[in-house]
Amino acid sequence: MKLPILLVDPADMPAYAIVCGDPFRAEKIASKLEGARELAYAREYRTFVGRYDGVDVAVVSHGVGSPGAAVCFEELAKAGVKTVIRVGTAGSLAPARYPAGSLIVSTAAAREEGLTKQLVPAGFPAVADGVVAETLYREAVALGGGPVGKGITVTFDAFYSGVVELPHKPYAEAGVLAVEMEIAALYVVAALRGMRAGAIVALDGDATGVDEDYNPHRDVVAQAVEREIEAALRTIATLAKREASGA
């Protein structure tokens, strides 16, 4: 029986998955897999499976924002997926150290979105799996090509600002490195459903103020996205090999 929203058969899903917001980025990631095939394309959820370095991998898009993304994460858990890595873009809260084109591995996410407040108590942390996060960081550093940071990110619901000022500045002053829209949901759902999760984001601009040069389609951002995809794929291969060897 197919999953109700992703419309894929759980029997077709491997233990490892990479998730991203954009269905076309999912297609791009899948193009790097051997024998890639598309299983379904329903709403914003596009699912591929293939192999990377001998490891079966799923690639699934989840759209923009925590509520819809959480639907994806919940159904991946129902399908038996055990490890999920999110790749995406984010705004920098430390632009002097990590400008556009940098990569950030999220070790934990501040929960400023609304979705997880309906799943767990206010004090429950949204935390990456330590092994996944550390492996992502090492693989990203080994690739070179630009700055790589590791630390806390924050998840908001709002992309465009309104009349209420979002608390970007206090988070930046507290050492939070980047702002995006889905990681907190991933980490909380993973904790609830027995998955391990990590996330790596490519920074596409300065989120601490008005970035007059903001353009997520700049070459420097595209190059960072390529690096984070490669880091995520290498991380899955490394984790799978460790498990196969019993390490």
C-alpha atoms as a PDB file:
ATOM      1  CA  MET A   1       0.000   0.000   0.000  1.00  0.00           C
ATOM      2  CA  LYS A   2       1.391   3.394  -0.989  1.00  0.00           C
ATOM      3  CA  LEU A   3       2.042   6.173   1.477  1.00  0.00           C
ATOM      4  CA  PRO A   4      -0.931   8.583   1.393  1.00  0.00           C
ATOM      5  CA  ILE A   5       0.946  11.813   0.562  1.00  0.00           C
ATOM      6  CA  LEU A   6       4.271  10.792  -0.995  1.00  0.00           C
ATOM      7  CA  LEU A   7       2.429   8.109  -3.030  1.00  0.00           C
ATOM      8  CA  VAL A   8       5.347   5.683  -2.899  1.00  0.00           C
ATOM      9  CA  ASP A   9       5.411   2.042  -1.862  1.00  0.00           C
ATOM     10  CA  PRO A  10       7.395   1.677   1.389  1.00  0.00           C
ATOM     11  CA  ALA A  11       8.953  -1.471  -0.058  1.00  0.00           C
ATOM     12  CA  ASP A  12      10.755   0.703  -2.621  1.00  0.00           C
ATOM     13  CA  MET A  13      12.377   2.946  -0.025  1.00  0.00           C
ATOM     14  CA  PRO A  14      15.945   2.372   1.270  1.00  0.00           C
ATOM     15  CA  ALA A  15      17.301   3.122   4.735  1.00  0.00           C
ATOM     16  CA  TYR A  16      19.032   6.356   3.650  1.00  0.00           C
ATOM     17  CA  ALA A  17      17.410   9.498   2.263  1.00  0.00           C
ATOM     18  CA  ILE A  18      18.460  12.981   1.213  1.00  0.00           C
ATOM     19  CA  VAL A  19      15.713  15.588   1.404  1.00  0.00           C
ATOM     20  CA  CYS A  20      15.532  19.071  -0.091  1.00  0.00           C
ATOM     21  CA  GLY A  21      12.908  21.731  -0.642  1.00  0.00           C
ATOM     22  CA  ASP A  22      12.910  22.052  -4.420  1.00  0.00           C
ATOM     23  CA  PRO A  23      11.544  19.191  -6.585  1.00  0.00           C
ATOM     24  CA  PHE A  24      13.976  20.188  -9.337  1.00  0.00           C
ATOM     25  CA  ARG A  25      16.896  20.081  -6.908  1.00  0.00           C
ATOM     26  CA  ALA A  26      15.758  16.557  -6.037  1.00  0.00           C
ATOM     27  CA  GLU A  27      16.043  15.701  -9.720  1.00  0.00           C
ATOM     28  CA  LYS A  28      19.513  17.261  -9.797  1.00  0.00           C
ATOM     29  CA  ILE A  29      20.657  15.192  -6.818  1.00  0.00           C
ATOM     30  CA  ALA A  30      19.150  12.048  -8.319  1.00  0.00           C
ATOM     31  CA  SER A  31      21.143  12.611 -11.511  1.00  0.00           C
ATOM     32  CA  LYS A  32      24.265  11.838  -9.463  1.00  0.00           C
ATOM     33  CA  LEU A  33      22.951   8.370  -8.566  1.00  0.00           C
ATOM     34  CA  GLU A  34      23.456   5.166 -10.493  1.00  0.00           C
ATOM     35  CA  GLY A  35      20.285   3.673 -11.925  1.00  0.00           C
ATOM     36  CA  ALA A  36      18.151   6.548 -10.662  1.00  0.00           C
ATOM     37  CA  ARG A  37      14.417   6.264 -11.194  1.00  0.00           C
ATOM     38  CA  GLU A  38      11.524   8.465 -10.200  1.00  0.00           C
ATOM     39  CA  LEU A  39       8.934   6.792  -7.976  1.00  0.00           C
ATOM     40  CA  ALA A  40       6.365   9.572  -7.637  1.00  0.00           C
ATOM     41  CA  TYR A  41       5.690  13.290  -8.025  1.00  0.00           C
ATOM     42  CA  ALA A  42       2.757  14.373  -5.860  1.00  0.00           C
ATOM     43  CA  ARG A  43       2.249  18.029  -4.861  1.00  0.00           C
ATOM     44  CA  GLU A  44       5.674  19.310  -3.782  1.00  0.00           C
ATOM     45  CA  TYR A  45       6.883  15.795  -2.974  1.00  0.00           C
ATOM     46  CA  ARG A  46       9.090  14.252  -5.646  1.00  0.00           C
ATOM     47  CA  THR A  47      10.777  10.948  -4.901  1.00  0.00           C
ATOM     48  CA  PHE A  48      13.708   9.230  -6.602  1.00  0.00           C
ATOM     49  CA  VAL A  49      15.760   6.162  -5.707  1.00  0.00           C
ATOM     50  CA  GLY A  50      19.173   5.068  -6.941  1.00  0.00           C
ATOM     51  CA  ARG A  51      22.608   4.016  -5.740  1.00  0.00           C
ATOM     52  CA  TYR A  52      25.665   5.994  -4.699  1.00  0.00           C
ATOM     53  CA  ASP A  53      28.954   4.178  -4.153  1.00  0.00           C
ATOM     54  CA  GLY A  54      27.028   0.933  -3.788  1.00  0.00           C
ATOM     55  CA  VAL A  55      24.511   2.301  -1.266  1.00  0.00           C
ATOM     56  CA  ASP A  56      20.767   2.536  -1.963  1.00  0.00           C
ATOM     57  CA  VAL A  57      19.613   6.141  -1.508  1.00  0.00           C
ATOM     58  CA  ALA A  58      16.276   7.946  -1.794  1.00  0.00           C
ATOM     59  CA  VAL A  59      16.023  11.612  -2.732  1.00  0.00           C
ATOM     60  CA  VAL A  60      12.790  13.363  -1.755  1.00  0.00           C
ATOM     61  CA  SER A  61      11.661  16.984  -2.034  1.00  0.00           C
ATOM     62  CA  HIS A  62       9.583  18.440   0.797  1.00  0.00           C
ATOM     63  CA  GLY A  63       8.634  21.951  -0.331  1.00  0.00           C
ATOM     64  CA  VAL A  64       8.962  25.157   1.678  1.00  0.00           C
ATOM     65  CA  GLY A  65       8.192  25.417   5.377  1.00  0.00           C
ATOM     66  CA  SER A  66       7.972  23.102   8.361  1.00  0.00           C
ATOM     67  CA  PRO A  67       4.352  21.818   8.217  1.00  0.00           C
ATOM     68  CA  GLY A  68       4.570  20.403   4.696  1.00  0.00           C
ATOM     69  CA  ALA A  69       8.130  19.212   5.227  1.00  0.00           C
ATOM     70  CA  ALA A  70       7.092  17.359   8.388  1.00  0.00           C
ATOM     71  CA  VAL A  71       4.542  15.390   6.346  1.00  0.00           C
ATOM     72  CA  CYS A  72       7.433  14.183   4.203  1.00  0.00           C
ATOM     73  CA  PHE A  73       9.588  13.311   7.211  1.00  0.00           C
ATOM     74  CA  GLU A  74       6.744  11.433   8.921  1.00  0.00           C
ATOM     75  CA  GLU A  75       6.076   9.327   5.840  1.00  0.00           C
ATOM     76  CA  LEU A  76       9.769   8.568   5.359  1.00  0.00           C
ATOM     77  CA  ALA A  77       9.745   7.190   8.895  1.00  0.00           C
ATOM     78  CA  LYS A  78       6.656   5.117   8.101  1.00  0.00           C
ATOM     79  CA  ALA A  79       8.493   3.750   5.049  1.00  0.00           C
ATOM     80  CA  GLY A  80      11.350   2.523   7.222  1.00  0.00           C
ATOM     81  CA  VAL A  81      13.944   5.189   6.380  1.00  0.00           C
ATOM     82  CA  LYS A  82      16.504   5.343   9.202  1.00  0.00           C
ATOM     83  CA  THR A  83      18.854   8.193   8.218  1.00  0.00           C
ATOM     84  CA  VAL A  84      17.769  11.518   6.708  1.00  0.00           C
ATOM     85  CA  ILE A  85      20.026  14.362   5.589  1.00  0.00           C
ATOM     86  CA  ARG A  86      18.576  17.703   4.538  1.00  0.00           C
ATOM     87  CA  VAL A  87      20.407  19.818   1.967  1.00  0.00           C
ATOM     88  CA  GLY A  88      19.186  23.327   1.265  1.00  0.00           C
ATOM     89  CA  THR A  89      19.877  27.034   1.410  1.00  0.00           C
ATOM     90  CA  ALA A  90      19.827  29.467   4.322  1.00  0.00           C
ATOM     91  CA  GLY A  91      20.537  33.065   5.242  1.00  0.00           C
ATOM     92  CA  SER A  92      23.745  33.845   7.115  1.00  0.00           C
ATOM     93  CA  LEU A  93      23.585  35.235  10.642  1.00  0.00           C
ATOM     94  CA  ALA A  94      27.387  35.504  10.752  1.00  0.00           C
ATOM     95  CA  PRO A  95      28.145  37.103   7.358  1.00  0.00           C
ATOM     96  CA  ALA A  96      31.633  38.292   8.300  1.00  0.00           C
ATOM     97  CA  ARG A  97      32.770  34.711   8.923  1.00  0.00           C
ATOM     98  CA  TYR A  98      30.350  32.893   6.641  1.00  0.00           C
ATOM     99  CA  PRO A  99      29.344  34.916   3.574  1.00  0.00           C
ATOM    100  CA  ALA A 100      27.227  33.706   0.672  1.00  0.00           C
ATOM    101  CA  GLY A 101      28.714  30.517  -0.733  1.00  0.00           C
ATOM    102  CA  SER A 102      29.691  29.116   2.669  1.00  0.00           C
ATOM    103  CA  LEU A 103      28.342  25.835   4.024  1.00  0.00           C
ATOM    104  CA  ILE A 104      26.883  25.351   7.498  1.00  0.00           C
ATOM    105  CA  VAL A 105      26.310  21.988   9.171  1.00  0.00           C
ATOM    106  CA  SER A 106      23.432  22.349  11.634  1.00  0.00           C
ATOM    107  CA  THR A 107      24.148  20.674  14.965  1.00  0.00           C
ATOM    108  CA  ALA A 108      20.849  21.882  16.449  1.00  0.00           C
ATOM    109  CA  ALA A 109      18.006  24.204  15.514  1.00  0.00           C
ATOM    110  CA  ALA A 110      16.215  26.841  17.552  1.00  0.00           C
ATOM    111  CA  ARG A 111      12.469  26.219  17.219  1.00  0.00           C
ATOM    112  CA  GLU A 112      10.954  29.521  16.077  1.00  0.00           C
ATOM    113  CA  GLU A 113       8.424  27.831  13.784  1.00  0.00           C
ATOM    114  CA  GLY A 114       4.927  26.776  14.796  1.00  0.00           C
ATOM    115  CA  LEU A 115       4.828  23.129  13.762  1.00  0.00           C
ATOM    116  CA  THR A 116       6.969  21.564  16.494  1.00  0.00           C
ATOM    117  CA  LYS A 117       5.084  23.451  19.204  1.00  0.00           C
ATOM    118  CA  GLN A 118       2.177  21.136  18.378  1.00  0.00           C
ATOM    119  CA  LEU A 119       4.350  18.006  18.619  1.00  0.00           C
ATOM    120  CA  VAL A 120       6.571  18.370  21.690  1.00  0.00           C
ATOM    121  CA  PRO A 121       6.834  20.549  24.834  1.00  0.00           C
ATOM    122  CA  ALA A 122       8.448  23.978  24.585  1.00  0.00           C
ATOM    123  CA  GLY A 123      11.652  22.826  26.264  1.00  0.00           C
ATOM    124  CA  PHE A 124      12.277  19.887  23.922  1.00  0.00           C
ATOM    125  CA  PRO A 125      15.475  20.456  21.877  1.00  0.00           C
ATOM    126  CA  ALA A 126      15.773  19.998  18.125  1.00  0.00           C
ATOM    127  CA  VAL A 127      19.161  18.310  17.801  1.00  0.00           C
ATOM    128  CA  ALA A 128      21.020  16.591  14.988  1.00  0.00           C
ATOM    129  CA  ASP A 129      22.406  13.103  15.333  1.00  0.00           C
ATOM    130  CA  GLY A 130      25.994  13.662  16.440  1.00  0.00           C
ATOM    131  CA  VAL A 131      27.572  11.087  14.147  1.00  0.00           C
ATOM    132  CA  VAL A 132      25.671  12.323  11.095  1.00  0.00           C
ATOM    133  CA  ALA A 133      26.532  15.970  11.802  1.00  0.00           C
ATOM    134  CA  GLU A 134      30.215  15.292  12.435  1.00  0.00           C
ATOM    135  CA  THR A 135      30.512  13.153   9.301  1.00  0.00           C
ATOM    136  CA  LEU A 136      28.788  15.835   7.219  1.00  0.00           C
ATOM    137  CA  TYR A 137      31.204  18.431   8.559  1.00  0.00           C
ATOM    138  CA  ARG A 138      34.296  16.336   7.854  1.00  0.00           C
ATOM    139  CA  GLU A 139      33.151  15.506   4.330  1.00  0.00           C
ATOM    140  CA  ALA A 140      32.324  19.152   3.575  1.00  0.00           C
ATOM    141  CA  VAL A 141      35.708  20.348   4.870  1.00  0.00           C
ATOM    142  CA  ALA A 142      37.510  17.674   2.861  1.00  0.00           C
ATOM    143  CA  LEU A 143      35.833  18.879  -0.350  1.00  0.00           C
ATOM    144  CA  GLY A 144      37.247  22.401   0.047  1.00  0.00           C
ATOM    145  CA  GLY A 145      36.022  25.213  -2.166  1.00  0.00           C
ATOM    146  CA  GLY A 146      34.851  27.601   0.534  1.00  0.00           C
ATOM    147  CA  PRO A 147      34.221  28.185   4.250  1.00  0.00           C
ATOM    148  CA  VAL A 148      32.457  25.468   6.244  1.00  0.00           C
ATOM    149  CA  GLY A 149      30.903  26.137   9.644  1.00  0.00           C
ATOM    150  CA  LYS A 150      29.270  23.891  12.223  1.00  0.00           C
ATOM    151  CA  GLY A 151      26.810  25.056  14.841  1.00  0.00           C
ATOM    152  CA  ILE A 152      23.283  26.080  15.735  1.00  0.00           C
ATOM    153  CA  THR A 153      20.757  27.258  13.138  1.00  0.00           C
ATOM    154  CA  VAL A 154      17.269  28.726  13.654  1.00  0.00           C
ATOM    155  CA  THR A 155      14.064  27.741  11.901  1.00  0.00           C
ATOM    156  CA  PHE A 156      11.408  30.356  11.121  1.00  0.00           C
ATOM    157  CA  ASP A 157       8.096  30.161   9.260  1.00  0.00           C
ATOM    158  CA  ALA A 158       8.324  33.591   7.605  1.00  0.00           C
ATOM    159  CA  PHE A 159      10.418  34.078   4.481  1.00  0.00           C
ATOM    160  CA  TYR A 160       9.399  37.657   3.652  1.00  0.00           C
ATOM    161  CA  SER A 161       9.130  40.178   6.477  1.00  0.00           C
ATOM    162  CA  GLY A 162       5.931  41.856   7.633  1.00  0.00           C
ATOM    163  CA  VAL A 163       5.337  44.546  10.237  1.00  0.00           C
ATOM    164  CA  VAL A 164       6.585  42.362  13.128  1.00  0.00           C
ATOM    165  CA  GLU A 165      10.352  42.280  13.429  1.00  0.00           C
ATOM    166  CA  LEU A 166      11.722  38.743  13.486  1.00  0.00           C
ATOM    167  CA  PRO A 167      14.401  38.122  16.141  1.00  0.00           C
ATOM    168  CA  HIS A 168      17.305  37.624  13.759  1.00  0.00           C
ATOM    169  CA  LYS A 169      19.585  40.002  15.671  1.00  0.00           C
ATOM    170  CA  PRO A 170      19.360  38.309  19.100  1.00  0.00           C
ATOM    171  CA  TYR A 171      20.048  34.941  17.511  1.00  0.00           C
ATOM    172  CA  ALA A 172      23.026  36.354  15.634  1.00  0.00           C
ATOM    173  CA  GLU A 173      24.356  37.872  18.875  1.00  0.00           C
ATOM    174  CA  ALA A 174      23.927  34.480  20.572  1.00  0.00           C
ATOM    175  CA  GLY A 175      26.153  32.823  17.982  1.00  0.00           C
ATOM    176  CA  VAL A 176      23.509  31.170  15.800  1.00  0.00           C
ATOM    177  CA  LEU A 177      24.972  30.776  12.322  1.00  0.00           C
ATOM    178  CA  ALA A 178      22.073  30.612   9.872  1.00  0.00           C
ATOM    179  CA  VAL A 179      18.309  30.880   9.437  1.00  0.00           C
ATOM    180  CA  GLU A 180      16.120  28.582   7.333  1.00  0.00           C
ATOM    181  CA  MET A 181      12.638  27.026   7.413  1.00  0.00           C
ATOM    182  CA  GLU A 182      12.663  23.237   7.956  1.00  0.00           C
ATOM    183  CA  ILE A 183      15.527  21.852  10.061  1.00  0.00           C
ATOM    184  CA  ALA A 184      13.799  22.073  13.451  1.00  0.00           C
ATOM    185  CA  ALA A 185      10.893  20.050  12.075  1.00  0.00           C
ATOM    186  CA  LEU A 186      13.277  17.418  10.726  1.00  0.00           C
ATOM    187  CA  TYR A 187      15.144  17.034  14.010  1.00  0.00           C
ATOM    188  CA  VAL A 188      11.995  16.821  16.131  1.00  0.00           C
ATOM    189  CA  VAL A 189      10.222  14.339  13.849  1.00  0.00           C
ATOM    190  CA  ALA A 190      13.407  12.263  13.652  1.00  0.00           C
ATOM    191  CA  ALA A 191      13.626  12.157  17.443  1.00  0.00           C
ATOM    192  CA  LEU A 192       9.994  11.134  17.785  1.00  0.00           C
ATOM    193  CA  ARG A 193      10.093   8.456  15.089  1.00  0.00           C
ATOM    194  CA  GLY A 194      13.462   6.825  15.753  1.00  0.00           C
ATOM    195  CA  MET A 195      15.396   8.218  12.802  1.00  0.00           C
ATOM    196  CA  ARG A 196      18.782   9.908  12.864  1.00  0.00           C
ATOM    197  CA  ALA A 197      19.040  13.197  11.034  1.00  0.00           C
ATOM    198  CA  GLY A 198      21.475  15.879   9.977  1.00  0.00           C
ATOM    199  CA  ALA A 199      21.412  18.936   7.766  1.00  0.00           C
ATOM    200  CA  ILE A 200      23.801  21.017   5.703  1.00  0.00           C
ATOM    201  CA  VAL A 201      22.879  24.346   4.107  1.00  0.00           C
ATOM    202  CA  ALA A 202      24.469  26.607   1.525  1.00  0.00           C
ATOM    203  CA  LEU A 203      24.337  30.266   2.529  1.00  0.00           C
ATOM    204  CA  ASP A 204      22.729  32.503  -0.081  1.00  0.00           C
ATOM    205  CA  GLY A 205      22.970  35.929   1.581  1.00  0.00           C
ATOM    206  CA  ASP A 206      23.119  38.072   4.723  1.00  0.00           C
ATOM    207  CA  ALA A 207      20.039  37.610   6.932  1.00  0.00           C
ATOM    208  CA  THR A 208      21.141  40.138   9.567  1.00  0.00           C
ATOM    209  CA  GLY A 209      20.018  43.160   7.568  1.00  0.00           C
ATOM    210  CA  VAL A 210      19.035  44.332   4.106  1.00  0.00           C
ATOM    211  CA  ASP A 211      21.190  42.459   1.621  1.00  0.00           C
ATOM    212  CA  GLU A 212      21.104  44.595  -1.517  1.00  0.00           C
ATOM    213  CA  ASP A 213      23.058  41.933  -3.382  1.00  0.00           C
ATOM    214  CA  TYR A 214      20.745  39.088  -2.368  1.00  0.00           C
ATOM    215  CA  ASN A 215      20.408  36.644  -5.224  1.00  0.00           C
ATOM    216  CA  PRO A 216      20.069  32.938  -4.467  1.00  0.00           C
ATOM    217  CA  HIS A 217      20.909  32.159  -8.090  1.00  0.00           C
ATOM    218  CA  ARG A 218      24.449  33.551  -7.983  1.00  0.00           C
ATOM    219  CA  ASP A 219      27.253  31.286  -9.170  1.00  0.00           C
ATOM    220  CA  VAL A 220      28.853  31.254  -5.716  1.00  0.00           C
ATOM    221  CA  VAL A 221      25.618  29.862  -4.242  1.00  0.00           C
ATOM    222  CA  ALA A 222      25.206  27.297  -7.019  1.00  0.00           C
ATOM    223  CA  GLN A 223      28.751  26.091  -6.389  1.00  0.00           C
ATOM    224  CA  ALA A 224      28.043  25.779  -2.664  1.00  0.00           C
ATOM    225  CA  VAL A 225      24.902  23.761  -3.394  1.00  0.00           C
ATOM    226  CA  GLU A 226      26.987  21.384  -5.513  1.00  0.00           C
ATOM    227  CA  ARG A 227      29.428  20.974  -2.620  1.00  0.00           C
ATOM    228  CA  GLU A 228      26.734  20.288  -0.043  1.00  0.00           C
ATOM    229  CA  ILE A 229      25.108  17.675  -2.268  1.00  0.00           C
ATOM    230  CA  GLU A 230      28.449  15.917  -2.689  1.00  0.00           C
ATOM    231  CA  ALA A 231      29.096  16.123   1.061  1.00  0.00           C
ATOM    232  CA  ALA A 232      25.701  14.596   1.830  1.00  0.00           C
ATOM    233  CA  LEU A 233      26.200  11.739  -0.633  1.00  0.00           C
ATOM    234  CA  ARG A 234      29.690  11.024   0.707  1.00  0.00           C
ATOM    235  CA  THR A 235      28.333  11.089   4.243  1.00  0.00           C
ATOM    236  CA  ILE A 236      25.762   8.430   3.427  1.00  0.00           C
ATOM    237  CA  ALA A 237      28.412   6.263   1.791  1.00  0.00           C
ATOM    238  CA  THR A 238      30.710   6.667   4.815  1.00  0.00           C
ATOM    239  CA  LEU A 239      27.949   5.864   7.308  1.00  0.00           C
ATOM    240  CA  ALA A 240      26.830   2.808   5.341  1.00  0.00           C
ATOM    241  CA  LYS A 241      30.365   1.446   5.144  1.00  0.00           C
ATOM    242  CA  ARG A 242      30.875   1.908   8.878  1.00  0.00           C
ATOM    243  CA  GLU A 243      27.667   0.044   9.618  1.00  0.00           C
ATOM    244  CA  ALA A 244      28.517  -2.747   7.201  1.00  0.00           C
ATOM    245  CA  SER A 245      31.879  -3.212   8.948  1.00  0.00           C
ATOM    246  CA  GLY A 246      30.290  -3.116  12.382  1.00  0.00           C
ATOM    247  CA  ALA A 247      32.248   0.010  13.359  1.00  0.00           C
END
